[in-house]
Each structure stands twice: as structure tokens, then as C-alpha cells.
Amino acid sequence: MNLETERLVLRPLALDDLDAYAEIYADPEVTRYLGRGFTMTRSETEAQLHDLIEHGERDGFGLRSVVRKEDGRLVGRCGLHRWQIEGADETEVGWVLGREFWGQGYATEAAAAVRDHAVAELGHRRLIALIKRDNEPSHNVARKLGMSYERDVELASGPAQLYALETGPAR
């Protein structure tokens, strides 16, 4: 199932997207706020793409490729990802865009569609975003989604700030 916004289509990840993702993850400006902050080779990107596709199939939700409607270009990925943080199961709304697509509102547009789908269709009552301290554009996206800073957390990849959105009691 695809999610659509005014300018974007969010569709399941596919191995056909490897070239676009390899370009995105080879950019040190993009990857400095991801994981341990290192760029990825094409083979590392391919392995990660396989892993993310498998997680999505297993969980029944996951990350999606974000494609611009006007020209069909893949601008990045956005979607849901499961985490175990300090003993609690959490579901993150996460986003990564290629640098040429920054500052155009695509991250907020895609993440809002994912948030709305997670709450209305999947029944999530709590969503989080995990953001590195210096990534101010992503902090802004989280706030636009209605999330509030909750606390600092330590992940395997290093420290992050956890933003959360509570939408009501779990069902």
C-alpha cells in the first residue's frame, strides 16, 4: 500500500531503489546524523536495504521510499521503525532525504503522512523520533509533527534526543 501526499508517494522499499540510496548514503553531509555518522559503500547500502525490507515484511510496517510525484525521483526514505529503548518497545517515525531535497518541506510532508497513517490505520498511540543533538532541521520536523523533546537516550550508535508524540491510550 502506498501513502500519498500533495507532492509525494511513499511506497514500500524495493531493491530497484539501490542506486538512489547508494548515492544518498555516500554523502557525508547526509550520513553525519545517521547511525555512527559514516558514509556507506554500495554493498553496505544494499545489505541495509535488504535488512530494512525484511524488517518491514516481518513487522507489517516499515520504512518507505519517498518519491516525488512531479518527476518520479526518489528523494529519500521515511517510515516506521521498531526500537527497544531502555527496556521499552518504541516505534519511531524516521526520515532521511538526499541533500538536494533538503529545505523544501519534503521531510515534514512525508513524516506527517506516516504519523497520520500510524495513528489512524495502525492504532499507534505513541510515536517517537530519535535525533542527534546538532541536527536542528530534524528537530524542527519533529516539532512540526507535534512531538516534544522527552529525554536524552544512549543508542548503540551514540547519544540521541528522543522526541515523543502521545495521541491517547493504547487500544
C-alpha atoms as a PDB file:
ATOM      1  CA  MET A   1       0.000   0.000   0.000  1.00  0.00           C
ATOM      2  CA  ASN A   2       1.254   3.460  -0.880  1.00  0.00           C
ATOM      3  CA  LEU A   3       0.770   6.643   1.114  1.00  0.00           C
ATOM      4  CA  GLU A   4       0.264   9.823  -0.897  1.00  0.00           C
ATOM      5  CA  THR A   5       0.618  13.488  -0.124  1.00  0.00           C
ATOM      6  CA  GLU A   6       0.211  16.528  -2.324  1.00  0.00           C
ATOM      7  CA  ARG A   7       3.720  16.168  -3.771  1.00  0.00           C
ATOM      8  CA  LEU A   8       4.925  12.715  -2.741  1.00  0.00           C
ATOM      9  CA  VAL A   9       4.263   8.991  -2.953  1.00  0.00           C
ATOM     10  CA  LEU A  10       5.569   6.835  -0.123  1.00  0.00           C
ATOM     11  CA  ARG A  11       5.855   3.279  -1.373  1.00  0.00           C
ATOM     12  CA  PRO A  12       7.458   0.121   0.008  1.00  0.00           C
ATOM     13  CA  LEU A  13      11.239  -0.086  -0.232  1.00  0.00           C
ATOM     14  CA  ALA A  14      12.494  -2.020  -3.245  1.00  0.00           C
ATOM     15  CA  LEU A  15      15.869  -3.316  -4.371  1.00  0.00           C
ATOM     16  CA  ASP A  16      15.358  -1.298  -7.557  1.00  0.00           C
ATOM     17  CA  ASP A  17      15.987   1.784  -5.383  1.00  0.00           C
ATOM     18  CA  LEU A  18      19.578   0.749  -4.643  1.00  0.00           C
ATOM     19  CA  ASP A  19      21.249   3.258  -6.996  1.00  0.00           C
ATOM     20  CA  ALA A  20      19.429   6.209  -5.451  1.00  0.00           C
ATOM     21  CA  TYR A  21      20.084   5.047  -1.884  1.00  0.00           C
ATOM     22  CA  ALA A  22      23.755   4.340  -2.621  1.00  0.00           C
ATOM     23  CA  GLU A  23      24.099   7.958  -3.765  1.00  0.00           C
ATOM     24  CA  ILE A  24      22.308   9.301  -0.680  1.00  0.00           C
ATOM     25  CA  TYR A  25      24.361   7.211   1.788  1.00  0.00           C
ATOM     26  CA  ALA A  26      27.661   8.084   0.079  1.00  0.00           C
ATOM     27  CA  ASP A  27      27.123  11.765   1.015  1.00  0.00           C
ATOM     28  CA  PRO A  28      28.880  12.614   4.304  1.00  0.00           C
ATOM     29  CA  GLU A  29      26.534  15.558   4.895  1.00  0.00           C
ATOM     30  CA  VAL A  30      23.553  13.164   4.871  1.00  0.00           C
ATOM     31  CA  THR A  31      25.144  10.434   6.959  1.00  0.00           C
ATOM     32  CA  ARG A  32      26.728  12.592   9.657  1.00  0.00           C
ATOM     33  CA  TYR A  33      23.438  12.424  11.607  1.00  0.00           C
ATOM     34  CA  LEU A  34      22.729   8.740  10.898  1.00  0.00           C
ATOM     35  CA  GLY A  35      23.954   5.831  12.962  1.00  0.00           C
ATOM     36  CA  ARG A  36      27.625   6.257  13.691  1.00  0.00           C
ATOM     37  CA  GLY A  37      27.899   9.085  11.178  1.00  0.00           C
ATOM     38  CA  PHE A  38      29.828   7.280   8.449  1.00  0.00           C
ATOM     39  CA  THR A  39      29.103   7.055   4.735  1.00  0.00           C
ATOM     40  CA  MET A  40      28.185   3.674   3.322  1.00  0.00           C
ATOM     41  CA  THR A  41      29.539   1.774   0.348  1.00  0.00           C
ATOM     42  CA  ARG A  42      27.178   0.469  -2.295  1.00  0.00           C
ATOM     43  CA  SER A  43      27.428  -3.067  -0.855  1.00  0.00           C
ATOM     44  CA  GLU A  44      26.723  -1.778   2.687  1.00  0.00           C
ATOM     45  CA  THR A  45      23.733   0.143   1.355  1.00  0.00           C
ATOM     46  CA  GLU A  46      22.485  -2.974  -0.426  1.00  0.00           C
ATOM     47  CA  ALA A  47      22.801  -5.042   2.761  1.00  0.00           C
ATOM     48  CA  GLN A  48      20.949  -2.380   4.752  1.00  0.00           C
ATOM     49  CA  LEU A  49      18.206  -2.181   2.106  1.00  0.00           C
ATOM     50  CA  HIS A  50      17.718  -5.975   2.278  1.00  0.00           C
ATOM     51  CA  ASP A  51      17.564  -5.751   6.086  1.00  0.00           C
ATOM     52  CA  LEU A  52      15.034  -2.891   6.074  1.00  0.00           C
ATOM     53  CA  ILE A  53      12.817  -4.681   3.545  1.00  0.00           C
ATOM     54  CA  GLU A  54      12.908  -7.814   5.727  1.00  0.00           C
ATOM     55  CA  HIS A  55      12.034  -5.808   8.869  1.00  0.00           C
ATOM     56  CA  GLY A  56       9.078  -4.214   7.085  1.00  0.00           C
ATOM     57  CA  GLU A  57       7.763  -7.578   5.954  1.00  0.00           C
ATOM     58  CA  ARG A  58       8.175  -9.050   9.445  1.00  0.00           C
ATOM     59  CA  ASP A  59       6.676  -6.095  11.346  1.00  0.00           C
ATOM     60  CA  GLY A  60       3.864  -5.335   8.904  1.00  0.00           C
ATOM     61  CA  PHE A  61       5.130  -1.764   8.618  1.00  0.00           C
ATOM     62  CA  GLY A  62       8.458  -0.156   7.982  1.00  0.00           C
ATOM     63  CA  LEU A  63      10.389   2.445   6.092  1.00  0.00           C
ATOM     64  CA  ARG A  64       9.188   3.570   2.683  1.00  0.00           C
ATOM     65  CA  SER A  65      10.785   5.096  -0.368  1.00  0.00           C
ATOM     66  CA  VAL A  66       9.722   8.718  -0.797  1.00  0.00           C
ATOM     67  CA  VAL A  67       9.180   9.556  -4.461  1.00  0.00           C
ATOM     68  CA  ARG A  68       8.384  12.975  -5.880  1.00  0.00           C
ATOM     69  CA  LYS A  69       5.201  12.893  -7.969  1.00  0.00           C
ATOM     70  CA  GLU A  70       6.280  15.550 -10.461  1.00  0.00           C
ATOM     71  CA  ASP A  71       9.187  13.540 -11.858  1.00  0.00           C
ATOM     72  CA  GLY A  72       9.290  10.157 -10.118  1.00  0.00           C
ATOM     73  CA  ARG A  73      12.635  10.884  -8.401  1.00  0.00           C
ATOM     74  CA  LEU A  74      13.404   9.110  -5.179  1.00  0.00           C
ATOM     75  CA  VAL A  75      14.115  11.840  -2.623  1.00  0.00           C
ATOM     76  CA  GLY A  76      14.782   9.587   0.388  1.00  0.00           C
ATOM     77  CA  ARG A  77      13.061   7.317   2.835  1.00  0.00           C
ATOM     78  CA  CYS A  78      10.549   7.789   5.628  1.00  0.00           C
ATOM     79  CA  GLY A  79       8.527   5.433   7.721  1.00  0.00           C
ATOM     80  CA  LEU A  80       8.258   3.472  10.915  1.00  0.00           C
ATOM     81  CA  HIS A  81      10.975   1.563  12.704  1.00  0.00           C
ATOM     82  CA  ARG A  82      10.824  -0.511  15.921  1.00  0.00           C
ATOM     83  CA  TRP A  83      13.285   0.145  18.723  1.00  0.00           C
ATOM     84  CA  GLN A  84      13.928  -1.280  22.169  1.00  0.00           C
ATOM     85  CA  ILE A  85      14.920   1.723  24.288  1.00  0.00           C
ATOM     86  CA  GLU A  86      15.675   1.389  27.974  1.00  0.00           C
ATOM     87  CA  GLY A  87      13.534  -1.755  28.145  1.00  0.00           C
ATOM     88  CA  ALA A  88      10.528  -0.289  26.326  1.00  0.00           C
ATOM     89  CA  ASP A  89       9.255  -1.077  22.829  1.00  0.00           C
ATOM     90  CA  GLU A  90       9.051   2.136  20.825  1.00  0.00           C
ATOM     91  CA  THR A  91       8.004   2.972  17.278  1.00  0.00           C
ATOM     92  CA  GLU A  92       9.941   5.709  15.549  1.00  0.00           C
ATOM     93  CA  VAL A  93       8.894   7.923  12.678  1.00  0.00           C
ATOM     94  CA  GLY A  94      12.186   8.303  10.835  1.00  0.00           C
ATOM     95  CA  TRP A  95      13.265  10.184   7.719  1.00  0.00           C
ATOM     96  CA  VAL A  96      16.360  10.609   5.558  1.00  0.00           C
ATOM     97  CA  LEU A  97      16.466  12.724   2.423  1.00  0.00           C
ATOM     98  CA  GLY A  98      19.122  13.273  -0.194  1.00  0.00           C
ATOM     99  CA  ARG A  99      20.840  16.620   0.329  1.00  0.00           C
ATOM    100  CA  GLU A 100      19.485  18.192  -2.860  1.00  0.00           C
ATOM    101  CA  PHE A 101      15.972  17.774  -1.430  1.00  0.00           C
ATOM    102  CA  TRP A 102      16.599  19.476   1.919  1.00  0.00           C
ATOM    103  CA  GLY A 103      14.763  22.645   2.846  1.00  0.00           C
ATOM    104  CA  GLN A 104      11.755  22.012   0.598  1.00  0.00           C
ATOM    105  CA  GLY A 105       9.343  20.626   3.198  1.00  0.00           C
ATOM    106  CA  TYR A 106       9.532  17.047   1.921  1.00  0.00           C
ATOM    107  CA  ALA A 107      10.629  15.550   5.270  1.00  0.00           C
ATOM    108  CA  THR A 108       7.740  17.178   7.142  1.00  0.00           C
ATOM    109  CA  GLU A 109       5.235  16.255   4.423  1.00  0.00           C
ATOM    110  CA  ALA A 110       6.330  12.610   4.316  1.00  0.00           C
ATOM    111  CA  ALA A 111       6.667  12.226   8.092  1.00  0.00           C
ATOM    112  CA  ALA A 112       3.221  13.752   8.688  1.00  0.00           C
ATOM    113  CA  ALA A 113       1.709  11.187   6.306  1.00  0.00           C
ATOM    114  CA  VAL A 114       3.496   8.382   8.146  1.00  0.00           C
ATOM    115  CA  ARG A 115       2.417   9.760  11.548  1.00  0.00           C
ATOM    116  CA  ASP A 116      -1.204  10.032  10.439  1.00  0.00           C
ATOM    117  CA  HIS A 117      -1.204   6.501   8.985  1.00  0.00           C
ATOM    118  CA  ALA A 118       0.438   5.080  12.123  1.00  0.00           C
ATOM    119  CA  VAL A 119      -2.179   6.635  14.387  1.00  0.00           C
ATOM    120  CA  ALA A 120      -5.341   6.308  12.275  1.00  0.00           C
ATOM    121  CA  GLU A 121      -4.715   2.999  10.494  1.00  0.00           C
ATOM    122  CA  LEU A 122      -2.227   1.101  12.674  1.00  0.00           C
ATOM    123  CA  GLY A 123      -3.501   2.235  16.077  1.00  0.00           C
ATOM    124  CA  HIS A 124      -0.230   3.608  17.454  1.00  0.00           C
ATOM    125  CA  ARG A 125      -0.777   5.906  20.429  1.00  0.00           C
ATOM    126  CA  ARG A 126       2.861   6.811  20.976  1.00  0.00           C
ATOM    127  CA  LEU A 127       5.426   7.637  18.342  1.00  0.00           C
ATOM    128  CA  ILE A 128       8.978   8.829  18.762  1.00  0.00           C
ATOM    129  CA  ALA A 129      11.770  10.405  16.741  1.00  0.00           C
ATOM    130  CA  LEU A 130      15.428   9.823  17.614  1.00  0.00           C
ATOM    131  CA  ILE A 131      17.563  12.774  16.570  1.00  0.00           C
ATOM    132  CA  LYS A 132      21.234  13.624  17.027  1.00  0.00           C
ATOM    133  CA  ARG A 133      21.704  16.752  19.126  1.00  0.00           C
ATOM    134  CA  ASP A 134      23.084  19.034  16.366  1.00  0.00           C
ATOM    135  CA  ASN A 135      20.561  18.070  13.674  1.00  0.00           C
ATOM    136  CA  GLU A 136      18.408  21.193  14.008  1.00  0.00           C
ATOM    137  CA  PRO A 137      16.417  20.640  10.766  1.00  0.00           C
ATOM    138  CA  SER A 138      15.220  17.257  12.067  1.00  0.00           C
ATOM    139  CA  HIS A 139      14.424  18.730  15.482  1.00  0.00           C
ATOM    140  CA  ASN A 140      12.216  21.207  13.608  1.00  0.00           C
ATOM    141  CA  VAL A 141      10.476  18.411  11.688  1.00  0.00           C
ATOM    142  CA  ALA A 142       9.744  16.562  14.945  1.00  0.00           C
ATOM    143  CA  ARG A 143       8.215  19.697  16.469  1.00  0.00           C
ATOM    144  CA  LYS A 144       6.098  20.280  13.338  1.00  0.00           C
ATOM    145  CA  LEU A 145       4.785  16.724  13.782  1.00  0.00           C
ATOM    146  CA  GLY A 146       3.572  17.677  17.254  1.00  0.00           C
ATOM    147  CA  MET A 147       6.396  15.871  19.046  1.00  0.00           C
ATOM    148  CA  SER A 148       8.067  17.241  22.155  1.00  0.00           C
ATOM    149  CA  TYR A 149      11.554  16.643  23.478  1.00  0.00           C
ATOM    150  CA  GLU A 150      11.325  13.992  26.192  1.00  0.00           C
ATOM    151  CA  ARG A 151      14.854  12.971  27.123  1.00  0.00           C
ATOM    152  CA  ASP A 152      18.363  12.100  26.010  1.00  0.00           C
ATOM    153  CA  VAL A 153      18.982   8.411  25.290  1.00  0.00           C
ATOM    154  CA  GLU A 154      22.051   6.348  24.580  1.00  0.00           C
ATOM    155  CA  LEU A 155      21.808   4.154  21.473  1.00  0.00           C
ATOM    156  CA  ALA A 156      24.359   1.643  20.192  1.00  0.00           C
ATOM    157  CA  SER A 157      25.322   4.313  17.652  1.00  0.00           C
ATOM    158  CA  GLY A 158      25.726   7.011  20.293  1.00  0.00           C
ATOM    159  CA  PRO A 159      23.626   9.636  22.066  1.00  0.00           C
ATOM    160  CA  ALA A 160      20.341  10.925  20.648  1.00  0.00           C
ATOM    161  CA  GLN A 161      17.473  13.077  21.742  1.00  0.00           C
ATOM    162  CA  LEU A 162      14.112  11.364  21.956  1.00  0.00           C
ATOM    163  CA  TYR A 163      11.049  13.318  20.877  1.00  0.00           C
ATOM    164  CA  ALA A 164       7.624  11.812  21.551  1.00  0.00           C
ATOM    165  CA  LEU A 165       4.023  12.234  20.485  1.00  0.00           C
ATOM    166  CA  GLU A 166       1.308  10.787  22.722  1.00  0.00           C
ATOM    167  CA  THR A 167      -2.051  10.536  20.971  1.00  0.00           C
ATOM    168  CA  GLY A 168      -4.097   8.774  23.623  1.00  0.00           C
ATOM    169  CA  PRO A 169      -4.416   5.488  25.496  1.00  0.00           C
ATOM    170  CA  ALA A 170      -3.275   2.334  23.721  1.00  0.00           C
ATOM    171  CA  ARG A 171      -6.028   0.224  22.290  1.00  0.00           C
END
